[in-house]
Amino acid sequence: MFVTTHPVPGSVIESMRACPIEFYLTGSRRFGPVRPTSDYDFFTQDTPTIRQALLDMGFRRREAPGYEPHMRDAALVDVFTHARDRVDVQIRKSAEEFEMVCKVIELICVRPPANKVDRQTFWNGLITAVRSSRKLGQPTDWRLITT
């Protein structure tokens, strides 16, 4: 299952659409600002099956700048990249939880900070808030909280 309403051209994207894995759009194509040079960023659940499927589609584990361990948010496990089609897939501890965080961002109409250190703090704060509300049995419909 491919979770995005944005048109996404490219052969690796078609492979992603065809497989049963849930990929969620994130990054500048979800939150803006989109530039002509923007890549495509997705996230998904961390499982050995998903990691192997990404490798089978031509993705490779990303070692490039921007995703060093000290710059990652608390929910990011790994990143795979497909250089030819400029697509990154973030491997998440909980894709469901991170999608809730993304929906909160959309509901409060705020763009994640451009500075990497500020962005890490921003994501970690929202991840903590979502985790706390779930542990306390609070509603996961964030519209109830943000209105």
N, C-alpha and C. Protein backbone atom coordinates (compact mmCIF):
# COMPACT_ATOMS: atom_id res chain seq x y z
N MET A 1 0.85 -1.18 0.00
CA MET A 1 0.00 0.00 0.00
C MET A 1 0.89 1.23 0.00
N PHE A 2 0.57 2.17 -0.84
CA PHE A 2 1.37 3.36 -1.03
C PHE A 2 0.55 4.54 -0.54
N VAL A 3 0.97 5.19 0.54
CA VAL A 3 0.15 6.20 1.18
C VAL A 3 0.63 7.60 0.79
N THR A 4 0.11 8.11 -0.31
CA THR A 4 0.35 9.49 -0.71
C THR A 4 -0.67 9.86 -1.78
N THR A 5 -1.08 11.09 -1.78
CA THR A 5 -1.98 11.58 -2.82
C THR A 5 -1.21 12.39 -3.85
N HIS A 6 0.08 12.57 -3.62
CA HIS A 6 0.91 13.36 -4.52
C HIS A 6 1.32 12.53 -5.73
N PRO A 7 1.30 13.13 -6.93
CA PRO A 7 1.78 12.38 -8.09
C PRO A 7 3.29 12.19 -7.98
N VAL A 8 3.74 10.96 -8.14
CA VAL A 8 5.16 10.66 -7.97
C VAL A 8 5.61 9.81 -9.16
N PRO A 9 6.30 10.42 -10.14
CA PRO A 9 6.75 9.65 -11.29
C PRO A 9 8.02 8.86 -10.98
N GLY A 10 8.33 7.91 -11.83
CA GLY A 10 9.61 7.21 -11.69
C GLY A 10 9.45 5.72 -11.51
N SER A 11 10.41 4.96 -12.01
CA SER A 11 10.31 3.51 -11.99
C SER A 11 10.36 2.92 -10.59
N VAL A 12 11.23 3.44 -9.71
CA VAL A 12 11.28 2.89 -8.35
C VAL A 12 9.98 3.19 -7.61
N ILE A 13 9.39 4.33 -7.91
CA ILE A 13 8.10 4.67 -7.30
C ILE A 13 7.04 3.67 -7.73
N GLU A 14 7.06 3.26 -8.98
CA GLU A 14 6.10 2.27 -9.45
C GLU A 14 6.31 0.94 -8.74
N SER A 15 7.56 0.57 -8.50
CA SER A 15 7.86 -0.65 -7.74
C SER A 15 7.33 -0.53 -6.31
N MET A 16 7.49 0.66 -5.71
CA MET A 16 6.99 0.88 -4.36
C MET A 16 5.47 0.76 -4.32
N ARG A 17 4.80 1.33 -5.33
CA ARG A 17 3.34 1.25 -5.40
C ARG A 17 2.86 -0.19 -5.52
N ALA A 18 3.61 -1.00 -6.25
CA ALA A 18 3.19 -2.37 -6.54
C ALA A 18 3.38 -3.33 -5.36
N CYS A 19 4.24 -2.99 -4.42
CA CYS A 19 4.48 -3.92 -3.31
C CYS A 19 3.49 -3.66 -2.16
N PRO A 20 3.28 -4.63 -1.28
CA PRO A 20 2.28 -4.50 -0.22
C PRO A 20 2.74 -3.69 0.99
N ILE A 21 3.88 -3.05 0.92
CA ILE A 21 4.42 -2.26 2.05
C ILE A 21 3.77 -0.88 2.07
N GLU A 22 3.48 -0.39 3.28
CA GLU A 22 2.96 0.97 3.42
C GLU A 22 4.12 1.96 3.45
N PHE A 23 4.15 2.85 2.45
CA PHE A 23 5.12 3.94 2.40
C PHE A 23 4.35 5.25 2.59
N TYR A 24 4.82 6.09 3.49
CA TYR A 24 4.17 7.37 3.78
C TYR A 24 5.07 8.50 3.30
N LEU A 25 4.49 9.45 2.59
CA LEU A 25 5.25 10.61 2.12
C LEU A 25 5.60 11.51 3.29
N THR A 26 6.81 12.07 3.28
CA THR A 26 7.24 13.02 4.29
C THR A 26 8.19 14.02 3.65
N GLY A 27 8.87 14.81 4.41
CA GLY A 27 9.84 15.76 3.86
C GLY A 27 9.19 16.94 3.17
N SER A 28 9.95 17.59 2.31
CA SER A 28 9.48 18.82 1.68
C SER A 28 8.28 18.60 0.77
N ARG A 29 8.13 17.43 0.20
CA ARG A 29 6.97 17.19 -0.68
C ARG A 29 5.68 17.01 0.12
N ARG A 30 5.80 16.80 1.41
CA ARG A 30 4.62 16.74 2.27
C ARG A 30 4.40 18.07 2.98
N PHE A 31 5.48 18.63 3.53
CA PHE A 31 5.36 19.82 4.37
C PHE A 31 5.79 21.11 3.69
N GLY A 32 6.49 21.02 2.55
CA GLY A 32 6.97 22.20 1.86
C GLY A 32 8.26 22.73 2.46
N PRO A 33 8.88 23.66 1.84
CA PRO A 33 8.60 24.12 0.48
C PRO A 33 9.24 23.18 -0.54
N VAL A 34 8.48 22.86 -1.58
CA VAL A 34 8.99 21.99 -2.64
C VAL A 34 9.74 22.85 -3.64
N ARG A 35 10.93 22.40 -3.98
CA ARG A 35 11.74 23.07 -5.00
C ARG A 35 11.87 22.11 -6.19
N PRO A 36 12.26 22.63 -7.35
CA PRO A 36 12.43 21.74 -8.51
C PRO A 36 13.46 20.63 -8.25
N THR A 37 14.39 20.86 -7.35
CA THR A 37 15.43 19.87 -7.05
C THR A 37 15.07 18.97 -5.87
N SER A 38 13.88 19.12 -5.31
CA SER A 38 13.50 18.32 -4.14
C SER A 38 13.45 16.84 -4.47
N ASP A 39 13.98 16.02 -3.55
CA ASP A 39 13.88 14.58 -3.71
C ASP A 39 12.55 14.12 -3.10
N TYR A 40 12.34 12.82 -3.11
CA TYR A 40 11.15 12.25 -2.49
C TYR A 40 11.57 11.53 -1.23
N ASP A 41 10.90 11.84 -0.13
CA ASP A 41 11.17 11.22 1.16
C ASP A 41 9.93 10.47 1.61
N PHE A 42 10.12 9.23 2.00
CA PHE A 42 9.05 8.40 2.53
C PHE A 42 9.51 7.79 3.84
N PHE A 43 8.58 7.24 4.60
CA PHE A 43 8.95 6.44 5.76
C PHE A 43 8.07 5.20 5.79
N THR A 44 8.57 4.20 6.51
CA THR A 44 7.86 2.93 6.63
C THR A 44 8.27 2.25 7.93
N GLN A 45 7.60 1.16 8.24
CA GLN A 45 7.86 0.38 9.44
C GLN A 45 9.18 -0.38 9.31
N ASP A 46 9.87 -0.59 10.42
CA ASP A 46 11.11 -1.36 10.42
C ASP A 46 10.83 -2.84 10.60
N THR A 47 11.07 -3.63 9.54
CA THR A 47 11.03 -5.09 9.62
C THR A 47 12.11 -5.63 8.70
N PRO A 48 12.61 -6.82 8.97
CA PRO A 48 13.59 -7.43 8.06
C PRO A 48 13.03 -7.61 6.64
N THR A 49 11.76 -7.94 6.54
CA THR A 49 11.12 -8.12 5.23
C THR A 49 11.13 -6.82 4.43
N ILE A 50 10.84 -5.71 5.09
CA ILE A 50 10.82 -4.41 4.41
C ILE A 50 12.23 -4.02 4.00
N ARG A 51 13.20 -4.22 4.85
CA ARG A 51 14.59 -3.91 4.49
C ARG A 51 15.02 -4.70 3.26
N GLN A 52 14.67 -5.97 3.22
CA GLN A 52 15.04 -6.81 2.07
C GLN A 52 14.31 -6.35 0.81
N ALA A 53 13.03 -5.99 0.93
CA ALA A 53 12.27 -5.51 -0.23
C ALA A 53 12.90 -4.24 -0.80
N LEU A 54 13.36 -3.35 0.07
CA LEU A 54 14.03 -2.13 -0.40
C LEU A 54 15.32 -2.47 -1.15
N LEU A 55 16.09 -3.38 -0.61
CA LEU A 55 17.32 -3.82 -1.29
C LEU A 55 16.98 -4.43 -2.66
N ASP A 56 15.92 -5.22 -2.70
CA ASP A 56 15.51 -5.86 -3.95
C ASP A 56 15.06 -4.83 -5.00
N MET A 57 14.55 -3.69 -4.55
CA MET A 57 14.14 -2.62 -5.47
C MET A 57 15.30 -1.71 -5.89
N GLY A 58 16.50 -1.98 -5.37
CA GLY A 58 17.65 -1.18 -5.76
C GLY A 58 18.04 -0.10 -4.77
N PHE A 59 17.40 -0.07 -3.60
CA PHE A 59 17.79 0.87 -2.56
C PHE A 59 19.05 0.38 -1.88
N ARG A 60 19.79 1.31 -1.32
CA ARG A 60 20.97 0.99 -0.53
C ARG A 60 20.91 1.77 0.77
N ARG A 61 21.49 1.19 1.81
CA ARG A 61 21.55 1.86 3.10
C ARG A 61 22.32 3.16 2.94
N ARG A 62 21.76 4.25 3.43
CA ARG A 62 22.36 5.57 3.24
C ARG A 62 23.41 5.86 4.30
N GLU A 63 24.57 6.25 3.84
CA GLU A 63 25.67 6.64 4.73
C GLU A 63 25.99 8.12 4.55
N ALA A 64 25.23 8.80 3.72
CA ALA A 64 25.54 10.19 3.35
C ALA A 64 25.21 11.17 4.46
N PRO A 65 25.78 12.36 4.40
CA PRO A 65 25.50 13.40 5.39
C PRO A 65 24.00 13.71 5.50
N GLY A 66 23.61 14.11 6.67
CA GLY A 66 22.22 14.49 6.91
C GLY A 66 21.47 13.49 7.77
N TYR A 67 21.98 12.27 7.84
CA TYR A 67 21.31 11.25 8.64
C TYR A 67 22.28 10.61 9.62
N GLU A 68 23.33 11.33 10.02
CA GLU A 68 24.27 10.80 10.99
C GLU A 68 23.52 10.50 12.30
N PRO A 69 23.99 9.52 13.07
CA PRO A 69 23.27 9.14 14.30
C PRO A 69 22.97 10.31 15.24
N HIS A 70 23.87 11.27 15.38
CA HIS A 70 23.61 12.39 16.29
C HIS A 70 22.60 13.38 15.74
N MET A 71 22.23 13.24 14.45
CA MET A 71 21.26 14.16 13.85
C MET A 71 19.88 13.51 13.69
N ARG A 72 19.73 12.27 14.09
CA ARG A 72 18.48 11.55 13.90
C ARG A 72 17.50 11.85 15.03
N ASP A 73 16.22 11.82 14.70
CA ASP A 73 15.23 11.93 15.75
C ASP A 73 15.08 10.57 16.43
N ALA A 74 14.33 10.54 17.52
CA ALA A 74 14.25 9.35 18.37
C ALA A 74 13.56 8.16 17.71
N ALA A 75 12.80 8.38 16.66
CA ALA A 75 12.05 7.29 16.04
C ALA A 75 12.70 6.75 14.77
N LEU A 76 13.77 7.40 14.31
CA LEU A 76 14.43 6.99 13.07
C LEU A 76 15.44 5.89 13.34
N VAL A 77 15.31 4.78 12.62
CA VAL A 77 16.20 3.64 12.79
C VAL A 77 17.29 3.65 11.72
N ASP A 78 16.90 3.87 10.46
CA ASP A 78 17.83 3.79 9.34
C ASP A 78 17.24 4.52 8.15
N VAL A 79 18.06 4.72 7.13
CA VAL A 79 17.60 5.36 5.90
C VAL A 79 18.16 4.58 4.71
N PHE A 80 17.29 4.31 3.74
CA PHE A 80 17.69 3.68 2.50
C PHE A 80 17.48 4.69 1.37
N THR A 81 18.36 4.69 0.41
CA THR A 81 18.28 5.67 -0.68
C THR A 81 18.34 4.98 -2.03
N HIS A 82 17.65 5.56 -2.98
CA HIS A 82 17.69 5.11 -4.37
C HIS A 82 18.22 6.29 -5.17
N ALA A 83 19.51 6.28 -5.43
CA ALA A 83 20.20 7.44 -6.00
C ALA A 83 19.66 7.82 -7.38
N ARG A 84 19.38 6.85 -8.24
CA ARG A 84 18.94 7.17 -9.60
C ARG A 84 17.65 7.99 -9.60
N ASP A 85 16.71 7.61 -8.76
CA ASP A 85 15.41 8.30 -8.76
C ASP A 85 15.28 9.32 -7.62
N ARG A 86 16.37 9.54 -6.86
CA ARG A 86 16.37 10.53 -5.78
C ARG A 86 15.20 10.30 -4.80
N VAL A 87 15.16 9.08 -4.26
CA VAL A 87 14.13 8.70 -3.30
C VAL A 87 14.82 8.17 -2.05
N ASP A 88 14.42 8.68 -0.89
CA ASP A 88 14.89 8.17 0.40
C ASP A 88 13.72 7.54 1.13
N VAL A 89 13.98 6.42 1.80
CA VAL A 89 12.97 5.79 2.64
C VAL A 89 13.54 5.69 4.05
N GLN A 90 12.87 6.36 4.98
CA GLN A 90 13.27 6.31 6.38
C GLN A 90 12.62 5.08 7.01
N ILE A 91 13.44 4.32 7.73
CA ILE A 91 12.95 3.15 8.45
C ILE A 91 12.63 3.61 9.87
N ARG A 92 11.39 3.45 10.28
CA ARG A 92 10.90 3.97 11.56
C ARG A 92 10.58 2.86 12.54
N LYS A 93 10.80 3.14 13.84
CA LYS A 93 10.42 2.18 14.89
C LYS A 93 8.94 1.89 14.82
N SER A 94 8.14 2.93 14.61
CA SER A 94 6.70 2.78 14.48
C SER A 94 6.20 3.75 13.41
N ALA A 95 5.86 3.22 12.25
CA ALA A 95 5.35 4.07 11.17
C ALA A 95 4.02 4.71 11.57
N GLU A 96 3.20 3.96 12.28
CA GLU A 96 1.90 4.48 12.73
C GLU A 96 2.09 5.69 13.65
N GLU A 97 3.00 5.57 14.59
CA GLU A 97 3.27 6.66 15.52
C GLU A 97 3.83 7.88 14.78
N PHE A 98 4.75 7.65 13.85
CA PHE A 98 5.34 8.78 13.14
C PHE A 98 4.31 9.44 12.22
N GLU A 99 3.40 8.67 11.66
CA GLU A 99 2.32 9.26 10.85
C GLU A 99 1.45 10.16 11.72
N MET A 100 1.22 9.77 12.97
CA MET A 100 0.47 10.65 13.88
C MET A 100 1.21 11.97 14.09
N VAL A 101 2.52 11.89 14.25
CA VAL A 101 3.34 13.10 14.41
C VAL A 101 3.19 13.98 13.17
N CYS A 102 3.25 13.39 11.98
CA CYS A 102 3.10 14.16 10.74
C CYS A 102 1.72 14.81 10.65
N LYS A 103 0.70 14.09 11.08
CA LYS A 103 -0.65 14.66 11.05
C LYS A 103 -0.79 15.83 12.02
N VAL A 104 -0.12 15.75 13.16
CA VAL A 104 -0.13 16.88 14.11
C VAL A 104 0.49 18.11 13.43
N ILE A 105 1.60 17.91 12.75
CA ILE A 105 2.26 19.02 12.06
C ILE A 105 1.30 19.64 11.04
N GLU A 106 0.61 18.80 10.28
CA GLU A 106 -0.34 19.32 9.30
C GLU A 106 -1.51 20.04 9.97
N LEU A 107 -1.98 19.52 11.10
CA LEU A 107 -3.11 20.14 11.79
C LEU A 107 -2.75 21.49 12.39
N ILE A 108 -1.53 21.63 12.88
CA ILE A 108 -1.16 22.91 13.49
C ILE A 108 -0.52 23.85 12.47
N CYS A 109 -0.46 23.38 11.21
CA CYS A 109 0.00 24.21 10.09
C CYS A 109 1.37 24.84 10.35
N VAL A 110 2.32 24.02 10.71
CA VAL A 110 3.67 24.51 10.95
C VAL A 110 4.62 23.70 10.09
N ARG A 111 5.66 24.35 9.62
CA ARG A 111 6.67 23.68 8.82
C ARG A 111 7.85 23.31 9.71
N PRO A 112 8.37 22.09 9.59
CA PRO A 112 9.56 21.72 10.39
C PRO A 112 10.71 22.67 10.10
N PRO A 113 11.53 22.98 11.10
CA PRO A 113 12.65 23.92 10.91
C PRO A 113 13.64 23.43 9.86
N ALA A 114 14.30 24.36 9.18
CA ALA A 114 15.29 24.03 8.16
C ALA A 114 16.61 23.59 8.80
N ASN A 115 16.97 24.20 9.92
CA ASN A 115 18.22 23.86 10.59
C ASN A 115 18.13 22.45 11.16
N LYS A 116 19.12 21.61 10.86
CA LYS A 116 19.06 20.20 11.26
C LYS A 116 18.98 19.98 12.76
N VAL A 117 19.70 20.76 13.55
CA VAL A 117 19.65 20.60 15.00
C VAL A 117 18.27 20.99 15.53
N ASP A 118 17.75 22.11 15.05
CA ASP A 118 16.41 22.54 15.45
C ASP A 118 15.35 21.53 15.01
N ARG A 119 15.53 20.98 13.81
CA ARG A 119 14.57 20.00 13.29
C ARG A 119 14.58 18.74 14.15
N GLN A 120 15.75 18.29 14.59
CA GLN A 120 15.84 17.11 15.45
C GLN A 120 15.09 17.36 16.76
N THR A 121 15.28 18.54 17.36
CA THR A 121 14.58 18.90 18.60
C THR A 121 13.07 18.97 18.37
N PHE A 122 12.67 19.55 17.26
CA PHE A 122 11.26 19.67 16.88
C PHE A 122 10.60 18.29 16.78
N TRP A 123 11.22 17.37 15.99
CA TRP A 123 10.66 16.04 15.82
C TRP A 123 10.62 15.29 17.14
N ASN A 124 11.71 15.36 17.91
CA ASN A 124 11.75 14.63 19.18
C ASN A 124 10.67 15.12 20.14
N GLY A 125 10.40 16.41 20.17
CA GLY A 125 9.35 16.95 21.02
C GLY A 125 7.98 16.41 20.63
N LEU A 126 7.70 16.38 19.34
CA LEU A 126 6.40 15.86 18.88
C LEU A 126 6.30 14.35 19.09
N ILE A 127 7.38 13.63 18.86
CA ILE A 127 7.37 12.18 19.09
C ILE A 127 7.08 11.89 20.56
N THR A 128 7.71 12.63 21.45
CA THR A 128 7.48 12.46 22.89
C THR A 128 6.03 12.75 23.24
N ALA A 129 5.46 13.81 22.66
CA ALA A 129 4.06 14.16 22.94
C ALA A 129 3.11 13.05 22.48
N VAL A 130 3.34 12.52 21.28
CA VAL A 130 2.48 11.46 20.77
C VAL A 130 2.61 10.20 21.63
N ARG A 131 3.85 9.84 21.97
CA ARG A 131 4.06 8.65 22.81
C ARG A 131 3.40 8.82 24.18
N SER A 132 3.53 9.99 24.75
CA SER A 132 2.94 10.24 26.07
C SER A 132 1.43 10.13 26.03
N SER A 133 0.81 10.71 25.01
CA SER A 133 -0.65 10.67 24.93
C SER A 133 -1.14 9.24 24.74
N ARG A 134 -0.38 8.44 23.99
CA ARG A 134 -0.78 7.04 23.78
C ARG A 134 -0.63 6.24 25.06
N LYS A 135 0.43 6.47 25.82
CA LYS A 135 0.63 5.75 27.08
C LYS A 135 -0.44 6.10 28.10
N LEU A 136 -0.89 7.35 28.08
CA LEU A 136 -1.90 7.79 29.02
C LEU A 136 -3.32 7.44 28.57
N GLY A 137 -3.43 6.85 27.38
CA GLY A 137 -4.75 6.48 26.88
C GLY A 137 -5.54 7.67 26.38
N GLN A 138 -4.84 8.74 26.05
CA GLN A 138 -5.50 9.93 25.53
C GLN A 138 -5.92 9.68 24.09
N PRO A 139 -6.86 10.47 23.58
CA PRO A 139 -7.31 10.27 22.20
C PRO A 139 -6.16 10.50 21.23
N THR A 140 -6.11 9.65 20.20
CA THR A 140 -5.10 9.83 19.17
C THR A 140 -5.61 10.69 18.03
N ASP A 141 -6.85 11.15 18.13
CA ASP A 141 -7.36 12.09 17.15
C ASP A 141 -6.92 13.48 17.59
N TRP A 142 -5.80 13.92 17.05
CA TRP A 142 -5.18 15.18 17.49
C TRP A 142 -6.02 16.40 17.16
N ARG A 143 -7.04 16.24 16.32
CA ARG A 143 -7.94 17.37 16.05
C ARG A 143 -8.64 17.80 17.34
N LEU A 144 -8.88 16.85 18.23
CA LEU A 144 -9.54 17.15 19.51
C LEU A 144 -8.62 18.00 20.40
N ILE A 145 -7.33 17.84 20.22
CA ILE A 145 -6.38 18.54 21.08
C ILE A 145 -6.00 19.89 20.52
N THR A 146 -5.93 20.02 19.19
CA THR A 146 -5.42 21.25 18.56
C THR A 146 -6.53 22.25 18.25
N THR A 147 -7.80 21.92 18.46
CA THR A 147 -8.85 22.88 18.15
C THR A 147 -9.31 23.62 19.39
